[in-house]
Amino acid sequence: MAPTKSTPASKAGKSPSKPKEPRDSDLKKQLLFLWACHKISGVQVDAPAVARHFGITNHAARMRLDRLRKKLDEMEASTRSDDDTRAIKDKDDDCKAQTKQTEVDSEDECDTMSD
């Protein structure tokens, strides 16, 4: 009986690859999504419970939450302004393309009139 070839289920000698770390932009999008969910739901954070969990004082927990709120609001505002800027740029590019096309069309009309 002839020996049969066996096909390994996985590559021999190689360990499975580790999951890739998310990019900063992906993390920022996820964080802003979570922040929007928090704000929309109107949930109040239990600062004393957070303080107990991290082994810090209630005051320290409230200060950390306040600083986090400010940073997330700033991130959200900057993302919004980036989106607005991008939308304005896209609109300007569209207008320039339309203007250029109109100029080309006008030149074509002038060429046919002179013939």
PDB file of N, CA and C in Angstrom:
ATOM      1  N   MET A   1       0.839  -1.158   0.000  1.00  0.00           N
ATOM      2  CA  MET A   1       0.000   0.000   0.000  1.00  0.00           C
ATOM      3  C   MET A   1       0.899   1.240   0.000  1.00  0.00           C
ATOM      4  N   ALA A   2       0.582   2.200  -0.833  1.00  0.00           N
ATOM      5  CA  ALA A   2       1.403   3.399  -0.973  1.00  0.00           C
ATOM      6  C   ALA A   2       1.071   4.378   0.147  1.00  0.00           C
ATOM      7  N   PRO A   3       2.108   5.097   0.624  1.00  0.00           N
ATOM      8  CA  PRO A   3       1.833   6.077   1.684  1.00  0.00           C
ATOM      9  C   PRO A   3       0.981   7.230   1.132  1.00  0.00           C
ATOM     10  N   THR A   4       0.096   7.713   1.944  1.00  0.00           N
ATOM     11  CA  THR A   4      -0.781   8.813   1.530  1.00  0.00           C
ATOM     12  C   THR A   4      -0.231  10.114   2.078  1.00  0.00           C
ATOM     13  N   LYS A   5      -0.467  11.173   1.325  1.00  0.00           N
ATOM     14  CA  LYS A   5      -0.040  12.488   1.776  1.00  0.00           C
ATOM     15  C   LYS A   5      -1.070  13.029   2.755  1.00  0.00           C
ATOM     16  N   SER A   6      -0.573  13.578   3.839  1.00  0.00           N
ATOM     17  CA  SER A   6      -1.499  14.187   4.794  1.00  0.00           C
ATOM     18  C   SER A   6      -1.377  15.696   4.686  1.00  0.00           C
ATOM     19  N   THR A   7      -2.497  16.349   4.756  1.00  0.00           N
ATOM     20  CA  THR A   7      -2.487  17.806   4.714  1.00  0.00           C
ATOM     21  C   THR A   7      -2.733  18.324   6.122  1.00  0.00           C
ATOM     22  N   PRO A   8      -1.788  19.083   6.626  1.00  0.00           N
ATOM     23  CA  PRO A   8      -1.963  19.586   7.997  1.00  0.00           C
ATOM     24  C   PRO A   8      -3.100  20.594   8.063  1.00  0.00           C
ATOM     25  N   ALA A   9      -3.789  20.604   9.189  1.00  0.00           N
ATOM     26  CA  ALA A   9      -4.908  21.521   9.383  1.00  0.00           C
ATOM     27  C   ALA A   9      -4.423  22.958   9.483  1.00  0.00           C
ATOM     28  N   SER A  10      -3.256  23.148  10.040  1.00  0.00           N
ATOM     29  CA  SER A  10      -2.694  24.492  10.133  1.00  0.00           C
ATOM     30  C   SER A  10      -1.237  24.427   9.714  1.00  0.00           C
ATOM     31  N   LYS A  11      -0.626  25.557   9.502  1.00  0.00           N
ATOM     32  CA  LYS A  11       0.766  25.597   9.096  1.00  0.00           C
ATOM     33  C   LYS A  11       1.621  25.061  10.232  1.00  0.00           C
ATOM     34  N   ALA A  12       2.502  24.131   9.893  1.00  0.00           N
ATOM     35  CA  ALA A  12       3.336  23.503  10.910  1.00  0.00           C
ATOM     36  C   ALA A  12       4.356  24.490  11.460  1.00  0.00           C
ATOM     37  N   GLY A  13       4.514  24.498  12.762  1.00  0.00           N
ATOM     38  CA  GLY A  13       5.524  25.310  13.398  1.00  0.00           C
ATOM     39  C   GLY A  13       5.160  26.772  13.586  1.00  0.00           C
ATOM     40  N   LYS A  14       4.007  27.182  13.141  1.00  0.00           N
ATOM     41  CA  LYS A  14       3.612  28.583  13.289  1.00  0.00           C
ATOM     42  C   LYS A  14       2.469  28.687  14.284  1.00  0.00           C
ATOM     43  N   SER A  15       2.603  29.637  15.170  1.00  0.00           N
ATOM     44  CA  SER A  15       1.529  29.857  16.133  1.00  0.00           C
ATOM     45  C   SER A  15       0.483  30.778  15.502  1.00  0.00           C
ATOM     46  N   PRO A  16      -0.727  30.680  15.979  1.00  0.00           N
ATOM     47  CA  PRO A  16      -1.760  31.569  15.423  1.00  0.00           C
ATOM     48  C   PRO A  16      -1.380  33.031  15.650  1.00  0.00           C
ATOM     49  N   SER A  17      -1.720  33.857  14.676  1.00  0.00           N
ATOM     50  CA  SER A  17      -1.348  35.264  14.795  1.00  0.00           C
ATOM     51  C   SER A  17      -2.191  35.947  15.869  1.00  0.00           C
ATOM     52  N   LYS A  18      -1.578  36.927  16.498  1.00  0.00           N
ATOM     53  CA  LYS A  18      -2.265  37.689  17.533  1.00  0.00           C
ATOM     54  C   LYS A  18      -3.230  38.654  16.861  1.00  0.00           C
ATOM     55  N   PRO A  19      -4.321  38.944  17.518  1.00  0.00           N
ATOM     56  CA  PRO A  19      -5.225  39.942  16.933  1.00  0.00           C
ATOM     57  C   PRO A  19      -4.523  41.297  16.863  1.00  0.00           C
ATOM     58  N   LYS A  20      -4.790  42.013  15.786  1.00  0.00           N
ATOM     59  CA  LYS A  20      -4.150  43.316  15.608  1.00  0.00           C
ATOM     60  C   LYS A  20      -4.756  44.323  16.571  1.00  0.00           C
ATOM     61  N   GLU A  21      -3.900  45.207  17.045  1.00  0.00           N
ATOM     62  CA  GLU A  21      -4.355  46.299  17.899  1.00  0.00           C
ATOM     63  C   GLU A  21      -5.144  47.277  17.034  1.00  0.00           C
ATOM     64  N   PRO A  22      -6.258  47.792  17.539  1.00  0.00           N
ATOM     65  CA  PRO A  22      -7.007  48.763  16.741  1.00  0.00           C
ATOM     66  C   PRO A  22      -6.204  50.052  16.561  1.00  0.00           C
ATOM     67  N   ARG A  23      -6.411  50.688  15.422  1.00  0.00           N
ATOM     68  CA  ARG A  23      -5.742  51.964  15.172  1.00  0.00           C
ATOM     69  C   ARG A  23      -6.328  53.024  16.091  1.00  0.00           C
ATOM     70  N   ASP A  24      -5.544  54.086  16.293  1.00  0.00           N
ATOM     71  CA  ASP A  24      -6.000  55.184  17.155  1.00  0.00           C
ATOM     72  C   ASP A  24      -7.296  55.782  16.642  1.00  0.00           C
ATOM     73  N   SER A  25      -7.423  55.908  15.312  1.00  0.00           N
ATOM     74  CA  SER A  25      -8.640  56.504  14.759  1.00  0.00           C
ATOM     75  C   SER A  25      -9.857  55.621  15.051  1.00  0.00           C
ATOM     76  N   ASP A  26      -9.660  54.289  15.019  1.00  0.00           N
ATOM     77  CA  ASP A  26     -10.759  53.381  15.347  1.00  0.00           C
ATOM     78  C   ASP A  26     -11.141  53.512  16.820  1.00  0.00           C
ATOM     79  N   LEU A  27     -10.136  53.594  17.676  1.00  0.00           N
ATOM     80  CA  LEU A  27     -10.403  53.751  19.110  1.00  0.00           C
ATOM     81  C   LEU A  27     -11.130  55.061  19.380  1.00  0.00           C
ATOM     82  N   LYS A  28     -10.729  56.118  18.676  1.00  0.00           N
ATOM     83  CA  LYS A  28     -11.374  57.421  18.868  1.00  0.00           C
ATOM     84  C   LYS A  28     -12.837  57.345  18.448  1.00  0.00           C
ATOM     85  N   LYS A  29     -13.113  56.700  17.323  1.00  0.00           N
ATOM     86  CA  LYS A  29     -14.497  56.559  16.862  1.00  0.00           C
ATOM     87  C   LYS A  29     -15.320  55.762  17.874  1.00  0.00           C
ATOM     88  N   GLN A  30     -14.737  54.677  18.393  1.00  0.00           N
ATOM     89  CA  GLN A  30     -15.450  53.849  19.366  1.00  0.00           C
ATOM     90  C   GLN A  30     -15.693  54.610  20.663  1.00  0.00           C
ATOM     91  N   LEU A  31     -14.689  55.364  21.098  1.00  0.00           N
ATOM     92  CA  LEU A  31     -14.822  56.143  22.328  1.00  0.00           C
ATOM     93  C   LEU A  31     -15.904  57.215  22.172  1.00  0.00           C
ATOM     94  N   LEU A  32     -15.902  57.905  21.037  1.00  0.00           N
ATOM     95  CA  LEU A  32     -16.917  58.935  20.804  1.00  0.00           C
ATOM     96  C   LEU A  32     -18.317  58.316  20.680  1.00  0.00           C
ATOM     97  N   PHE A  33     -18.394  57.113  20.124  1.00  0.00           N
ATOM     98  CA  PHE A  33     -19.683  56.413  20.055  1.00  0.00           C
ATOM     99  C   PHE A  33     -20.179  56.095  21.459  1.00  0.00           C
ATOM    100  N   LEU A  34     -19.285  55.584  22.297  1.00  0.00           N
ATOM    101  CA  LEU A  34     -19.643  55.272  23.685  1.00  0.00           C
ATOM    102  C   LEU A  34     -20.054  56.543  24.435  1.00  0.00           C
ATOM    103  N   TRP A  35     -19.344  57.636  24.191  1.00  0.00           N
ATOM    104  CA  TRP A  35     -19.662  58.906  24.844  1.00  0.00           C
ATOM    105  C   TRP A  35     -21.041  59.383  24.407  1.00  0.00           C
ATOM    106  N   ALA A  36     -21.355  59.267  23.126  1.00  0.00           N
ATOM    107  CA  ALA A  36     -22.674  59.677  22.630  1.00  0.00           C
ATOM    108  C   ALA A  36     -23.760  58.816  23.279  1.00  0.00           C
ATOM    109  N   CYS A  37     -23.509  57.513  23.387  1.00  0.00           N
ATOM    110  CA  CYS A  37     -24.485  56.623  24.033  1.00  0.00           C
ATOM    111  C   CYS A  37     -24.713  57.050  25.480  1.00  0.00           C
ATOM    112  N   HIS A  38     -23.639  57.377  26.172  1.00  0.00           N
ATOM    113  CA  HIS A  38     -23.733  57.804  27.576  1.00  0.00           C
ATOM    114  C   HIS A  38     -24.559  59.083  27.691  1.00  0.00           C
ATOM    115  N   LYS A  39     -24.260  60.059  26.828  1.00  0.00           N
ATOM    116  CA  LYS A  39     -24.963  61.340  26.905  1.00  0.00           C
ATOM    117  C   LYS A  39     -26.435  61.195  26.529  1.00  0.00           C
ATOM    118  N   ILE A  40     -26.719  60.426  25.512  1.00  0.00           N
ATOM    119  CA  ILE A  40     -28.094  60.269  25.042  1.00  0.00           C
ATOM    120  C   ILE A  40     -28.946  59.546  26.081  1.00  0.00           C
ATOM    121  N   SER A  41     -28.354  58.556  26.741  1.00  0.00           N
ATOM    122  CA  SER A  41     -29.119  57.760  27.700  1.00  0.00           C
ATOM    123  C   SER A  41     -29.374  58.506  29.001  1.00  0.00           C
ATOM    124  N   GLY A  42     -28.589  59.545  29.286  1.00  0.00           N
ATOM    125  CA  GLY A  42     -28.796  60.325  30.502  1.00  0.00           C
ATOM    126  C   GLY A  42     -28.408  59.585  31.775  1.00  0.00           C
ATOM    127  N   VAL A  43     -27.524  58.627  31.661  1.00  0.00           N
ATOM    128  CA  VAL A  43     -27.092  57.838  32.818  1.00  0.00           C
ATOM    129  C   VAL A  43     -26.160  58.673  33.696  1.00  0.00           C
ATOM    130  N   GLN A  44     -26.346  58.564  34.999  1.00  0.00           N
ATOM    131  CA  GLN A  44     -25.467  59.232  35.951  1.00  0.00           C
ATOM    132  C   GLN A  44     -24.441  58.219  36.454  1.00  0.00           C
ATOM    133  N   VAL A  45     -23.171  58.612  36.469  1.00  0.00           N
ATOM    134  CA  VAL A  45     -22.108  57.736  36.950  1.00  0.00           C
ATOM    135  C   VAL A  45     -22.110  57.764  38.473  1.00  0.00           C
ATOM    136  N   ASP A  46     -22.020  56.599  39.077  1.00  0.00           N
ATOM    137  CA  ASP A  46     -21.976  56.475  40.532  1.00  0.00           C
ATOM    138  C   ASP A  46     -20.529  56.688  40.983  1.00  0.00           C
ATOM    139  N   ALA A  47     -20.165  57.947  41.256  1.00  0.00           N
ATOM    140  CA  ALA A  47     -18.790  58.299  41.611  1.00  0.00           C
ATOM    141  C   ALA A  47     -18.281  57.538  42.843  1.00  0.00           C
ATOM    142  N   PRO A  48     -19.083  57.379  43.899  1.00  0.00           N
ATOM    143  CA  PRO A  48     -18.578  56.610  45.046  1.00  0.00           C
ATOM    144  C   PRO A  48     -18.249  55.149  44.687  1.00  0.00           C
ATOM    145  N   ALA A  49     -19.054  54.547  43.821  1.00  0.00           N
ATOM    146  CA  ALA A  49     -18.768  53.170  43.406  1.00  0.00           C
ATOM    147  C   ALA A  49     -17.482  53.117  42.576  1.00  0.00           C
ATOM    148  N   VAL A  50     -17.287  54.106  41.719  1.00  0.00           N
ATOM    149  CA  VAL A  50     -16.063  54.182  40.914  1.00  0.00           C
ATOM    150  C   VAL A  50     -14.865  54.370  41.847  1.00  0.00           C
ATOM    151  N   ALA A  51     -15.018  55.226  42.851  1.00  0.00           N
ATOM    152  CA  ALA A  51     -13.938  55.474  43.811  1.00  0.00           C
ATOM    153  C   ALA A  51     -13.554  54.185  44.541  1.00  0.00           C
ATOM    154  N   ARG A  52     -14.568  53.427  44.978  1.00  0.00           N
ATOM    155  CA  ARG A  52     -14.285  52.155  45.665  1.00  0.00           C
ATOM    156  C   ARG A  52     -13.566  51.184  44.733  1.00  0.00           C
ATOM    157  N   HIS A  53     -14.010  51.118  43.492  1.00  0.00           N
ATOM    158  CA  HIS A  53     -13.421  50.184  42.523  1.00  0.00           C
ATOM    159  C   HIS A  53     -11.936  50.479  42.299  1.00  0.00           C
ATOM    160  N   PHE A  54     -11.592  51.766  42.167  1.00  0.00           N
ATOM    161  CA  PHE A  54     -10.207  52.131  41.900  1.00  0.00           C
ATOM    162  C   PHE A  54      -9.403  52.433  43.158  1.00  0.00           C
ATOM    163  N   GLY A  55     -10.044  52.390  44.316  1.00  0.00           N
ATOM    164  CA  GLY A  55      -9.333  52.627  45.569  1.00  0.00           C
ATOM    165  C   GLY A  55      -8.885  54.077  45.718  1.00  0.00           C
ATOM    166  N   ILE A  56      -9.739  55.003  45.265  1.00  0.00           N
ATOM    167  CA  ILE A  56      -9.437  56.427  45.372  1.00  0.00           C
ATOM    168  C   ILE A  56     -10.563  57.116  46.137  1.00  0.00           C
ATOM    169  N   THR A  57     -10.370  58.371  46.459  1.00  0.00           N
ATOM    170  CA  THR A  57     -11.416  59.090  47.199  1.00  0.00           C
ATOM    171  C   THR A  57     -12.555  59.473  46.257  1.00  0.00           C
ATOM    172  N   ASN A  58     -13.708  59.767  46.859  1.00  0.00           N
ATOM    173  CA  ASN A  58     -14.865  60.202  46.062  1.00  0.00           C
ATOM    174  C   ASN A  58     -14.527  61.479  45.281  1.00  0.00           C
ATOM    175  N   HIS A  59     -13.827  62.391  45.950  1.00  0.00           N
ATOM    176  CA  HIS A  59     -13.454  63.649  45.303  1.00  0.00           C
ATOM    177  C   HIS A  59     -12.564  63.384  44.082  1.00  0.00           C
ATOM    178  N   ALA A  60     -11.596  62.495  44.239  1.00  0.00           N
ATOM    179  CA  ALA A  60     -10.688  62.170  43.130  1.00  0.00           C
ATOM    180  C   ALA A  60     -11.464  61.543  41.971  1.00  0.00           C
ATOM    181  N   ALA A  61     -12.405  60.670  42.284  1.00  0.00           N
ATOM    182  CA  ALA A  61     -13.214  60.039  41.237  1.00  0.00           C
ATOM    183  C   ALA A  61     -14.042  61.081  40.494  1.00  0.00           C
ATOM    184  N   ARG A  62     -14.659  62.011  41.238  1.00  0.00           N
ATOM    185  CA  ARG A  62     -15.451  63.066  40.597  1.00  0.00           C
ATOM    186  C   ARG A  62     -14.580  63.959  39.718  1.00  0.00           C
ATOM    187  N   MET A  63     -13.364  64.278  40.193  1.00  0.00           N
ATOM    188  CA  MET A  63     -12.463  65.116  39.401  1.00  0.00           C
ATOM    189  C   MET A  63     -12.046  64.401  38.117  1.00  0.00           C
ATOM    190  N   ARG A  64     -11.731  63.108  38.218  1.00  0.00           N
ATOM    191  CA  ARG A  64     -11.346  62.351  37.018  1.00  0.00           C
ATOM    192  C   ARG A  64     -12.501  62.299  36.016  1.00  0.00           C
ATOM    193  N   LEU A  65     -13.709  62.084  36.533  1.00  0.00           N
ATOM    194  CA  LEU A  65     -14.879  62.050  35.642  1.00  0.00           C
ATOM    195  C   LEU A  65     -15.100  63.408  34.984  1.00  0.00           C
ATOM    196  N   ASP A  66     -14.907  64.480  35.747  1.00  0.00           N
ATOM    197  CA  ASP A  66     -15.090  65.821  35.195  1.00  0.00           C
ATOM    198  C   ASP A  66     -14.056  66.108  34.102  1.00  0.00           C
ATOM    199  N   ARG A  67     -12.806  65.742  34.363  1.00  0.00           N
ATOM    200  CA  ARG A  67     -11.758  65.947  33.350  1.00  0.00           C
ATOM    201  C   ARG A  67     -12.038  65.111  32.100  1.00  0.00           C
ATOM    202  N   LEU A  68     -12.505  63.888  32.310  1.00  0.00           N
ATOM    203  CA  LEU A  68     -12.839  63.017  31.181  1.00  0.00           C
ATOM    204  C   LEU A  68     -13.974  63.611  30.354  1.00  0.00           C
ATOM    205  N   ARG A  69     -14.997  64.118  31.016  1.00  0.00           N
ATOM    206  CA  ARG A  69     -16.121  64.753  30.301  1.00  0.00           C
ATOM    207  C   ARG A  69     -15.636  65.911  29.434  1.00  0.00           C
ATOM    208  N   LYS A  70     -14.772  66.746  30.011  1.00  0.00           N
ATOM    209  CA  LYS A  70     -14.258  67.905  29.269  1.00  0.00           C
ATOM    210  C   LYS A  70     -13.469  67.456  28.044  1.00  0.00           C
ATOM    211  N   LYS A  71     -12.585  66.465  28.218  1.00  0.00           N
ATOM    212  CA  LYS A  71     -11.783  65.978  27.095  1.00  0.00           C
ATOM    213  C   LYS A  71     -12.663  65.370  26.009  1.00  0.00           C
ATOM    214  N   LEU A  72     -13.647  64.572  26.409  1.00  0.00           N
ATOM    215  CA  LEU A  72     -14.513  63.939  25.418  1.00  0.00           C
ATOM    216  C   LEU A  72     -15.360  64.967  24.682  1.00  0.00           C
ATOM    217  N   ASP A  73     -15.819  65.987  25.388  1.00  0.00           N
ATOM    218  CA  ASP A  73     -16.565  67.063  24.726  1.00  0.00           C
ATOM    219  C   ASP A  73     -15.680  67.792  23.716  1.00  0.00           C
ATOM    220  N   GLU A  74     -14.408  68.023  24.081  1.00  0.00           N
ATOM    221  CA  GLU A  74     -13.473  68.670  23.160  1.00  0.00           C
ATOM    222  C   GLU A  74     -13.224  67.792  21.934  1.00  0.00           C
ATOM    223  N   MET A  75     -13.027  66.491  22.168  1.00  0.00           N
ATOM    224  CA  MET A  75     -12.815  65.565  21.046  1.00  0.00           C
ATOM    225  C   MET A  75     -14.021  65.559  20.118  1.00  0.00           C
ATOM    226  N   GLU A  76     -15.189  65.535  20.707  1.00  0.00           N
ATOM    227  CA  GLU A  76     -16.421  65.510  19.930  1.00  0.00           C
ATOM    228  C   GLU A  76     -16.557  66.792  19.102  1.00  0.00           C
ATOM    229  N   ALA A  77     -16.257  67.921  19.719  1.00  0.00           N
ATOM    230  CA  ALA A  77     -16.345  69.205  19.013  1.00  0.00           C
ATOM    231  C   ALA A  77     -15.315  69.274  17.892  1.00  0.00           C
ATOM    232  N   SER A  78     -14.102  68.799  18.140  1.00  0.00           N
ATOM    233  CA  SER A  78     -13.069  68.855  17.106  1.00  0.00           C
ATOM    234  C   SER A  78     -13.408  67.908  15.966  1.00  0.00           C
ATOM    235  N   THR A  79     -13.983  66.762  16.268  1.00  0.00           N
ATOM    236  CA  THR A  79     -14.394  65.829  15.223  1.00  0.00           C
ATOM    237  C   THR A  79     -15.508  66.446  14.397  1.00  0.00           C
ATOM    238  N   ARG A  80     -16.430  67.106  15.062  1.00  0.00           N
ATOM    239  CA  ARG A  80     -17.535  67.760  14.361  1.00  0.00           C
ATOM    240  C   ARG A  80     -17.004  68.850  13.443  1.00  0.00           C
ATOM    241  N   SER A  81     -16.044  69.653  13.950  1.00  0.00           N
ATOM    242  CA  SER A  81     -15.499  70.729  13.118  1.00  0.00           C
ATOM    243  C   SER A  81     -14.667  70.154  11.973  1.00  0.00           C
ATOM    244  N   ASP A  82     -13.979  69.021  12.204  1.00  0.00           N
ATOM    245  CA  ASP A  82     -13.244  68.358  11.125  1.00  0.00           C
ATOM    246  C   ASP A  82     -14.206  67.890  10.044  1.00  0.00           C
ATOM    247  N   ASP A  83     -15.342  67.329  10.455  1.00  0.00           N
ATOM    248  CA  ASP A  83     -16.347  66.875   9.492  1.00  0.00           C
ATOM    249  C   ASP A  83     -16.914  68.053   8.714  1.00  0.00           C
ATOM    250  N   ASP A  84     -17.166  69.167   9.415  1.00  0.00           N
ATOM    251  CA  ASP A  84     -17.685  70.366   8.749  1.00  0.00           C
ATOM    252  C   ASP A  84     -16.674  70.896   7.745  1.00  0.00           C
ATOM    253  N   THR A  85     -15.402  70.947   8.150  1.00  0.00           N
ATOM    254  CA  THR A  85     -14.347  71.422   7.260  1.00  0.00           C
ATOM    255  C   THR A  85     -14.235  70.529   6.034  1.00  0.00           C
ATOM    256  N   ARG A  86     -14.308  69.214   6.258  1.00  0.00           N
ATOM    257  CA  ARG A  86     -14.227  68.263   5.154  1.00  0.00           C
ATOM    258  C   ARG A  86     -15.409  68.442   4.205  1.00  0.00           C
ATOM    259  N   ALA A  87     -16.590  68.666   4.755  1.00  0.00           N
ATOM    260  CA  ALA A  87     -17.790  68.854   3.929  1.00  0.00           C
ATOM    261  C   ALA A  87     -17.673  70.135   3.104  1.00  0.00           C
ATOM    262  N   ILE A  88     -17.153  71.200   3.718  1.00  0.00           N
ATOM    263  CA  ILE A  88     -16.971  72.455   2.992  1.00  0.00           C
ATOM    264  C   ILE A  88     -15.953  72.273   1.872  1.00  0.00           C
ATOM    265  N   LYS A  89     -14.854  71.565   2.152  1.00  0.00           N
ATOM    266  CA  LYS A  89     -13.823  71.328   1.144  1.00  0.00           C
ATOM    267  C   LYS A  89     -14.402  70.514  -0.011  1.00  0.00           C
ATOM    268  N   ASP A  90     -15.173  69.479   0.302  1.00  0.00           N
ATOM    269  CA  ASP A  90     -15.791  68.664  -0.742  1.00  0.00           C
ATOM    270  C   ASP A  90     -16.732  69.501  -1.598  1.00  0.00           C
ATOM    271  N   LYS A  91     -17.488  70.377  -0.948  1.00  0.00           N
ATOM    272  CA  LYS A  91     -18.421  71.235  -1.676  1.00  0.00           C
ATOM    273  C   LYS A  91     -17.645  72.193  -2.581  1.00  0.00           C
ATOM    274  N   ASP A  92     -16.549  72.765  -2.069  1.00  0.00           N
ATOM    275  CA  ASP A  92     -15.713  73.646  -2.877  1.00  0.00           C
ATOM    276  C   ASP A  92     -15.123  72.906  -4.072  1.00  0.00           C
ATOM    277  N   ASP A  93     -14.665  71.672  -3.845  1.00  0.00           N
ATOM    278  CA  ASP A  93     -14.117  70.869  -4.937  1.00  0.00           C
ATOM    279  C   ASP A  93     -15.177  70.598  -6.000  1.00  0.00           C
ATOM    280  N   ASP A  94     -16.401  70.315  -5.558  1.00  0.00           N
ATOM    281  CA  ASP A  94     -17.492  70.083  -6.501  1.00  0.00           C
ATOM    282  C   ASP A  94     -17.772  71.340  -7.324  1.00  0.00           C
ATOM    283  N   CYS A  95     -17.772  72.493  -6.648  1.00  0.00           N
ATOM    284  CA  CYS A  95     -18.020  73.760  -7.352  1.00  0.00           C
ATOM    285  C   CYS A  95     -16.924  74.033  -8.369  1.00  0.00           C
ATOM    286  N   LYS A  96     -15.666  73.784  -7.986  1.00  0.00           N
ATOM    287  CA  LYS A  96     -14.552  73.993  -8.905  1.00  0.00           C
ATOM    288  C   LYS A  96     -14.678  73.074 -10.112  1.00  0.00           C
ATOM    289  N   ALA A  97     -15.052  71.822  -9.880  1.00  0.00           N
ATOM    290  CA  ALA A  97     -15.215  70.876 -10.977  1.00  0.00           C
ATOM    291  C   ALA A  97     -16.335  71.319 -11.901  1.00  0.00           C
ATOM    292  N   GLN A  98     -17.437  71.791 -11.344  1.00  0.00           N
ATOM    293  CA  GLN A  98     -18.554  72.266 -12.159  1.00  0.00           C
ATOM    294  C   GLN A  98     -18.150  73.505 -12.952  1.00  0.00           C
ATOM    295  N   THR A  99     -17.406  74.416 -12.323  1.00  0.00           N
ATOM    296  CA  THR A  99     -16.954  75.628 -13.001  1.00  0.00           C
ATOM    297  C   THR A  99     -16.031  75.272 -14.154  1.00  0.00           C
ATOM    298  N   LYS A 100     -15.120  74.338 -13.902  1.00  0.00           N
ATOM    299  CA  LYS A 100     -14.184  73.905 -14.937  1.00  0.00           C
ATOM    300  C   LYS A 100     -14.935  73.266 -16.097  1.00  0.00           C
ATOM    301  N   GLN A 101     -15.914  72.442 -15.789  1.00  0.00           N
ATOM    302  CA  GLN A 101     -16.704  71.790 -16.828  1.00  0.00           C
ATOM    303  C   GLN A 101     -17.488  72.830 -17.635  1.00  0.00           C
ATOM    304  N   THR A 102     -18.014  73.837 -16.960  1.00  0.00           N
ATOM    305  CA  THR A 102     -18.752  74.904 -17.633  1.00  0.00           C
ATOM    306  C   THR A 102     -17.827  75.665 -18.580  1.00  0.00           C
ATOM    307  N   GLU A 103     -16.586  75.924 -18.146  1.00  0.00           N
ATOM    308  CA  GLU A 103     -15.616  76.612 -18.998  1.00  0.00           C
ATOM    309  C   GLU A 103     -15.293  75.782 -20.228  1.00  0.00           C
ATOM    310  N   VAL A 104     -15.129  74.470 -20.045  1.00  0.00           N
ATOM    311  CA  VAL A 104     -14.840  73.575 -21.171  1.00  0.00           C
ATOM    312  C   VAL A 104     -16.015  73.573 -22.135  1.00  0.00           C
ATOM    313  N   ASP A 105     -17.229  73.500 -21.610  1.00  0.00           N
ATOM    314  CA  ASP A 105     -18.424  73.508 -22.456  1.00  0.00           C
ATOM    315  C   ASP A 105     -18.517  74.817 -23.241  1.00  0.00           C
ATOM    316  N   SER A 106     -18.188  75.938 -22.595  1.00  0.00           N
ATOM    317  CA  SER A 106     -18.248  77.244 -23.247  1.00  0.00           C
ATOM    318  C   SER A 106     -17.223  77.327 -24.371  1.00  0.00           C
ATOM    319  N   GLU A 107     -16.021  76.796 -24.124  1.00  0.00           N
ATOM    320  CA  GLU A 107     -14.986  76.792 -25.160  1.00  0.00           C
ATOM    321  C   GLU A 107     -15.431  75.964 -26.355  1.00  0.00           C
ATOM    322  N   ASP A 108     -16.086  74.832 -26.095  1.00  0.00           N
ATOM    323  CA  ASP A 108     -16.572  73.979 -27.181  1.00  0.00           C
ATOM    324  C   ASP A 108     -17.599  74.725 -28.012  1.00  0.00           C
ATOM    325  N   GLU A 109     -18.487  75.462 -27.362  1.00  0.00           N
ATOM    326  CA  GLU A 109     -19.508  76.223 -28.070  1.00  0.00           C
ATOM    327  C   GLU A 109     -18.856  77.307 -28.928  1.00  0.00           C
ATOM    328  N   CYS A 110     -17.820  77.959 -28.386  1.00  0.00           N
ATOM    329  CA  CYS A 110     -17.139  79.009 -29.137  1.00  0.00           C
ATOM    330  C   CYS A 110     -16.427  78.428 -30.344  1.00  0.00           C
ATOM    331  N   ASP A 111     -15.838  77.235 -30.185  1.00  0.00           N
ATOM    332  CA  ASP A 111     -15.150  76.581 -31.294  1.00  0.00           C
ATOM    333  C   ASP A 111     -16.126  76.245 -32.419  1.00  0.00           C
ATOM    334  N   THR A 112     -17.316  75.775 -32.079  1.00  0.00           N
ATOM    335  CA  THR A 112     -18.273  75.388 -33.113  1.00  0.00           C
ATOM    336  C   THR A 112     -18.852  76.628 -33.786  1.00  0.00           C
ATOM    337  N   MET A 113     -18.944  77.738 -33.061  1.00  0.00           N
ATOM    338  CA  MET A 113     -19.465  78.960 -33.643  1.00  0.00           C
ATOM    339  C   MET A 113     -18.491  79.583 -34.629  1.00  0.00           C
ATOM    340  N   SER A 114     -17.189  79.446 -34.370  1.00  0.00           N
ATOM    341  CA  SER A 114     -16.198  80.052 -35.230  1.00  0.00           C
ATOM    342  C   SER A 114     -15.990  79.253 -36.516  1.00  0.00           C
ATOM    343  N   ASP A 115     -16.426  77.984 -36.535  1.00  0.00           N
ATOM    344  CA  ASP A 115     -16.258  77.142 -37.717  1.00  0.00           C
ATOM    345  C   ASP A 115     -17.218  77.468 -38.779  1.00  0.00           C
TER     346      ASP A 115
END
